Amino acid sequence: AQAVSLETPPTPPKAGGLWLWLAVEVLVLRRPRAAGHFVDVAVRARRAFVEAMNIAGSAMSALGNVKKAANRVTHRETNLEKNLREATSNQNWGVPNSMLHDIARASHDYQDCQVIMTEIWAALAERGPKWRRVLKALTLLEFLVKNGSDRVIDDTRRDQFKVRTLQDFSYSEDGKDKGAAVREKAKAILELVSDMELLRTERDKARVHRDKFVGMASVDSSGDRYGGAYGGGAGYAG
């Protein structure tokens, strides 16, 4: 192998470019000026890389928002999907009772109930800054357990571990514990679906409330395994 002269450095190879040449300057020839230049180039390269990654991240986020909007337009978002999106949003506003009742009525349709429960489970899987979305999803689930179809209750019982994990939910914002409300709501739902007598009582109360304040006549609940059948649809068979 050809020895490297310490007096006359070799011509920088094309493949390595500036980086390889500066490395030879620093490590082999021990030239202070080259070392300083090497570090300066490295710092600038790192800054450029970080800026590029930030730009790429912003672009991906914007692209994701555009894609979601485009999907809604292409898919022709149904009223139920629109209601679910608003009822489980992470925005700092409440959900109208009329919207909750619309979703509860939709839960008596088999396909719509699947759409509802899929959205609820997706929202409950969120963590941290999405605590409002989690809390709203729990509020919706509790409302459906009291006002919705039997299938909501059965699905909640079957997948109750998804609710149970939220009893340990923890998140602080501006020095305040935002996880307390989530933990309390999760506990209330688990107690509700675990106690048949309590469940029937709460569903009957909800039915009376609907009849009295909302003006939605309920059908005879004899065909509803958990009581409190909603007007326009009783519990599903099976």
Protein backbone atom coordinates (compact mmCIF):
# COMPACT_ATOMS: atom_id res chain seq x y z
CA ALA A 1 0.00 0.00 0.00
CA GLN A 2 1.22 3.50 -0.83
CA ALA A 3 2.35 5.47 2.24
CA VAL A 4 0.74 8.81 2.98
CA SER A 5 3.21 11.69 2.93
CA LEU A 6 3.01 14.06 5.88
CA GLU A 7 4.48 16.88 3.79
CA THR A 8 2.19 16.78 0.78
CA PRO A 9 -1.34 15.49 1.43
CA PRO A 10 -2.99 13.41 -1.27
CA THR A 11 -5.63 14.85 -3.57
CA PRO A 12 -9.10 14.58 -1.98
CA PRO A 13 -10.93 11.58 -3.43
CA LYS A 14 -14.07 12.40 -5.41
CA ALA A 15 -16.23 9.87 -3.55
CA GLY A 16 -15.48 11.28 -0.11
CA GLY A 17 -15.72 14.94 -1.06
CA LEU A 18 -15.14 17.65 1.52
CA TRP A 19 -15.93 15.46 4.55
CA LEU A 20 -13.23 12.87 3.82
CA TRP A 21 -10.68 15.51 2.94
CA LEU A 22 -11.29 17.43 6.17
CA ALA A 23 -11.05 14.20 8.13
CA VAL A 24 -7.60 13.58 6.63
CA GLU A 25 -6.61 17.13 7.44
CA VAL A 26 -7.70 16.79 11.07
CA LEU A 27 -6.75 13.22 11.92
CA VAL A 28 -3.61 12.73 9.82
CA LEU A 29 -2.05 16.14 9.39
CA ARG A 30 -3.30 17.60 12.70
CA ARG A 31 -3.97 21.02 11.21
CA PRO A 32 -5.82 23.31 13.69
CA ARG A 33 -7.37 25.49 11.00
CA ALA A 34 -8.77 22.44 9.23
CA ALA A 35 -10.13 21.15 12.53
CA GLY A 36 -11.96 24.41 13.18
CA HIS A 37 -13.35 24.44 9.67
CA PHE A 38 -14.45 20.83 10.06
CA VAL A 39 -16.39 21.60 13.26
CA ASP A 40 -17.96 24.69 11.70
CA VAL A 41 -19.15 22.72 8.70
CA ALA A 42 -20.51 20.00 10.96
CA VAL A 43 -22.48 22.50 13.07
CA ARG A 44 -23.96 24.16 10.01
CA ALA A 45 -24.84 20.79 8.53
CA ARG A 46 -26.60 19.76 11.73
CA ARG A 47 -28.59 23.00 11.82
CA ALA A 48 -29.62 22.52 8.21
CA PHE A 49 -30.67 18.95 8.97
CA VAL A 50 -32.79 20.01 11.96
CA GLU A 51 -34.46 22.76 9.92
CA ALA A 52 -35.16 20.29 7.12
CA MET A 53 -36.73 17.83 9.58
CA ASN A 54 -38.91 20.57 11.09
CA ILE A 55 -40.09 21.61 7.64
CA ALA A 56 -40.76 17.98 6.75
CA GLY A 57 -42.72 17.47 9.97
CA SER A 58 -44.88 20.53 9.33
CA ALA A 59 -45.47 19.43 5.76
CA MET A 60 -46.51 15.93 6.88
CA SER A 61 -48.89 17.37 9.47
CA ALA A 62 -50.46 19.69 6.91
CA LEU A 63 -50.68 16.84 4.43
CA GLY A 64 -52.41 14.69 7.05
CA ASN A 65 -55.02 17.39 7.69
CA VAL A 66 -55.60 17.83 3.97
CA LYS A 67 -55.93 14.07 3.55
CA LYS A 68 -58.50 13.84 6.36
CA ALA A 69 -60.51 16.68 4.86
CA ALA A 70 -60.29 15.11 1.41
CA ASN A 71 -61.41 11.75 2.78
CA ARG A 72 -64.43 13.38 4.37
CA VAL A 73 -65.36 15.01 1.09
CA THR A 74 -64.72 11.88 -0.98
CA HIS A 75 -66.42 9.62 1.54
CA ARG A 76 -69.35 12.01 1.90
CA GLU A 77 -69.35 12.05 5.67
CA THR A 78 -72.70 10.92 7.09
CA ASN A 79 -74.57 12.81 9.78
CA LEU A 80 -73.64 10.10 12.27
CA GLU A 81 -69.93 10.36 11.44
CA LYS A 82 -70.11 14.15 11.70
CA ASN A 83 -71.83 13.90 15.09
CA LEU A 84 -69.26 11.40 16.34
CA ARG A 85 -66.38 13.57 15.16
CA GLU A 86 -67.79 16.56 17.04
CA ALA A 87 -68.84 14.55 20.10
CA THR A 88 -65.34 13.11 20.53
CA SER A 89 -63.26 16.09 19.44
CA ASN A 90 -60.38 17.42 21.51
CA GLN A 91 -61.78 20.94 21.35
CA ASN A 92 -62.68 22.83 24.51
CA TRP A 93 -66.43 22.87 24.07
CA GLY A 94 -69.33 20.75 25.21
CA VAL A 95 -71.62 18.44 23.25
CA PRO A 96 -75.34 19.32 22.83
CA ASN A 97 -77.78 16.82 24.34
CA SER A 98 -79.62 16.70 21.03
CA MET A 99 -76.47 15.33 19.39
CA LEU A 100 -76.06 12.68 22.09
CA HIS A 101 -79.68 11.60 21.60
CA ASP A 102 -79.17 11.36 17.83
CA ILE A 103 -76.20 9.06 18.37
CA ALA A 104 -78.16 6.99 20.91
CA ARG A 105 -80.97 6.45 18.41
CA ALA A 106 -78.47 5.45 15.74
CA SER A 107 -77.01 2.79 18.04
CA HIS A 108 -80.09 0.63 17.46
CA ASP A 109 -78.96 0.05 13.90
CA TYR A 110 -76.39 -2.77 13.75
CA GLN A 111 -74.04 -1.10 11.25
CA ASP A 112 -74.32 2.32 12.87
CA CYS A 113 -73.60 0.81 16.28
CA GLN A 114 -70.37 -0.65 14.91
CA VAL A 115 -69.38 2.78 13.59
CA ILE A 116 -70.16 4.34 16.98
CA MET A 117 -68.22 1.83 19.05
CA THR A 118 -65.23 1.93 16.68
CA GLU A 119 -64.98 5.70 17.10
CA ILE A 120 -65.36 5.48 20.87
CA TRP A 121 -62.62 2.86 21.25
CA ALA A 122 -60.31 4.89 19.02
CA ALA A 123 -60.89 7.99 21.17
CA LEU A 124 -60.30 6.08 24.41
CA ALA A 125 -56.91 4.95 23.11
CA GLU A 126 -55.67 8.57 23.09
CA ARG A 127 -53.39 9.86 25.83
CA GLY A 128 -51.78 13.04 27.17
CA PRO A 129 -52.84 16.29 25.48
CA LYS A 130 -55.86 14.50 23.96
CA TRP A 131 -57.46 14.17 27.41
CA ARG A 132 -60.52 16.15 26.32
CA ARG A 133 -61.19 13.66 23.53
CA VAL A 134 -60.87 10.78 26.00
CA LEU A 135 -63.22 12.44 28.49
CA LYS A 136 -65.78 13.25 25.80
CA ALA A 137 -65.70 9.68 24.53
CA LEU A 138 -66.29 8.38 28.06
CA THR A 139 -69.16 10.84 28.51
CA LEU A 140 -70.67 9.62 25.25
CA LEU A 141 -70.20 5.99 26.24
CA GLU A 142 -71.89 6.56 29.61
CA PHE A 143 -74.78 8.28 27.86
CA LEU A 144 -75.14 5.37 25.42
CA VAL A 145 -75.02 2.79 28.21
CA LYS A 146 -78.00 4.59 29.76
CA ASN A 147 -79.82 5.55 26.56
CA GLY A 148 -78.52 3.41 23.72
CA SER A 149 -79.03 -0.11 22.47
CA ASP A 150 -78.26 -3.34 24.30
CA ARG A 151 -75.36 -3.90 21.94
CA VAL A 152 -73.51 -0.89 23.37
CA ILE A 153 -73.70 -2.46 26.81
CA ASP A 154 -72.60 -5.87 25.56
CA ASP A 155 -69.66 -4.38 23.67
CA THR A 156 -68.64 -2.33 26.69
CA ARG A 157 -68.73 -5.38 28.93
CA ARG A 158 -66.73 -7.45 26.47
CA ASP A 159 -64.06 -4.76 25.97
CA GLN A 160 -64.22 -3.21 29.43
CA PHE A 161 -60.45 -3.53 29.79
CA LYS A 162 -60.23 -0.54 27.41
CA VAL A 163 -62.15 1.47 29.99
CA ARG A 164 -60.45 -0.10 33.00
CA THR A 165 -57.00 1.12 31.93
CA LEU A 166 -58.31 4.69 32.11
CA GLN A 167 -58.71 4.39 35.88
CA ASP A 168 -54.95 5.11 35.92
CA PHE A 169 -55.12 7.96 33.40
CA SER A 170 -52.77 10.79 34.35
CA TYR A 171 -52.09 14.13 32.69
CA SER A 172 -51.38 17.61 34.05
CA GLU A 173 -51.95 20.89 32.24
CA ASP A 174 -51.02 24.28 33.67
CA GLY A 175 -50.28 22.57 36.97
CA LYS A 176 -53.76 21.03 37.17
CA ASP A 177 -54.59 17.32 37.15
CA LYS A 178 -56.73 16.80 34.06
CA GLY A 179 -56.81 13.04 34.53
CA ALA A 180 -59.10 13.08 37.59
CA ALA A 181 -62.30 13.52 35.56
CA VAL A 182 -61.24 10.72 33.20
CA ARG A 183 -60.54 8.34 36.07
CA GLU A 184 -63.85 9.09 37.77
CA LYS A 185 -65.86 8.67 34.57
CA ALA A 186 -64.15 5.36 33.75
CA LYS A 187 -64.92 4.06 37.24
CA ALA A 188 -68.59 5.09 36.96
CA ILE A 189 -69.01 3.28 33.63
CA LEU A 190 -67.44 0.08 34.94
CA GLU A 191 -69.71 0.11 37.97
CA LEU A 192 -72.72 0.72 35.76
CA VAL A 193 -72.14 -2.21 33.39
CA SER A 194 -71.21 -4.53 36.26
CA ASP A 195 -74.36 -4.01 38.33
CA MET A 196 -77.52 -5.21 36.56
CA GLU A 197 -79.89 -3.63 39.09
CA LEU A 198 -78.10 -0.29 38.92
CA LEU A 199 -78.05 -0.46 35.13
CA ARG A 200 -81.80 -1.08 34.87
CA THR A 201 -82.48 1.75 37.32
CA GLU A 202 -80.33 4.23 35.39
CA ARG A 203 -81.83 3.24 32.03
CA ASP A 204 -85.36 3.61 33.39
CA LYS A 205 -84.44 7.05 34.78
CA ALA A 206 -83.02 8.02 31.41
CA ARG A 207 -86.22 6.89 29.67
CA VAL A 208 -88.36 8.98 32.03
CA HIS A 209 -86.05 11.95 31.45
CA ARG A 210 -86.42 11.61 27.69
CA ASP A 211 -90.19 11.38 27.90
CA LYS A 212 -90.48 14.36 30.22
CA PHE A 213 -87.91 16.83 28.91
CA VAL A 214 -87.04 15.78 25.39
CA GLY A 215 -90.49 14.74 24.26
CA MET A 216 -89.33 11.47 22.71
CA ALA A 217 -91.89 8.77 23.48
CA SER A 218 -90.31 5.46 24.40
CA VAL A 219 -91.72 2.09 23.48
CA ASP A 220 -92.53 -0.65 25.93
CA SER A 221 -89.21 -1.85 27.39
CA SER A 222 -90.32 -5.46 27.77
CA GLY A 223 -88.18 -6.44 24.79
CA ASP A 224 -85.14 -4.61 26.13
CA ARG A 225 -82.91 -6.80 28.29
CA TYR A 226 -81.54 -3.83 30.23
CA GLY A 227 -84.66 -1.63 30.43
CA GLY A 228 -85.16 1.92 29.18
CA ALA A 229 -85.71 1.07 25.51
CA TYR A 230 -85.40 4.07 23.20
CA GLY A 231 -88.34 5.29 21.18
CA GLY A 232 -88.08 3.88 17.68
CA GLY A 233 -86.05 0.82 18.59
CA ALA A 234 -85.87 -1.82 21.28
CA GLY A 235 -83.00 -4.05 22.24
CA TYR A 236 -81.65 -6.36 19.55
CA ALA A 237 -82.43 -10.03 19.69
CA GLY A 238 -79.69 -12.51 20.52
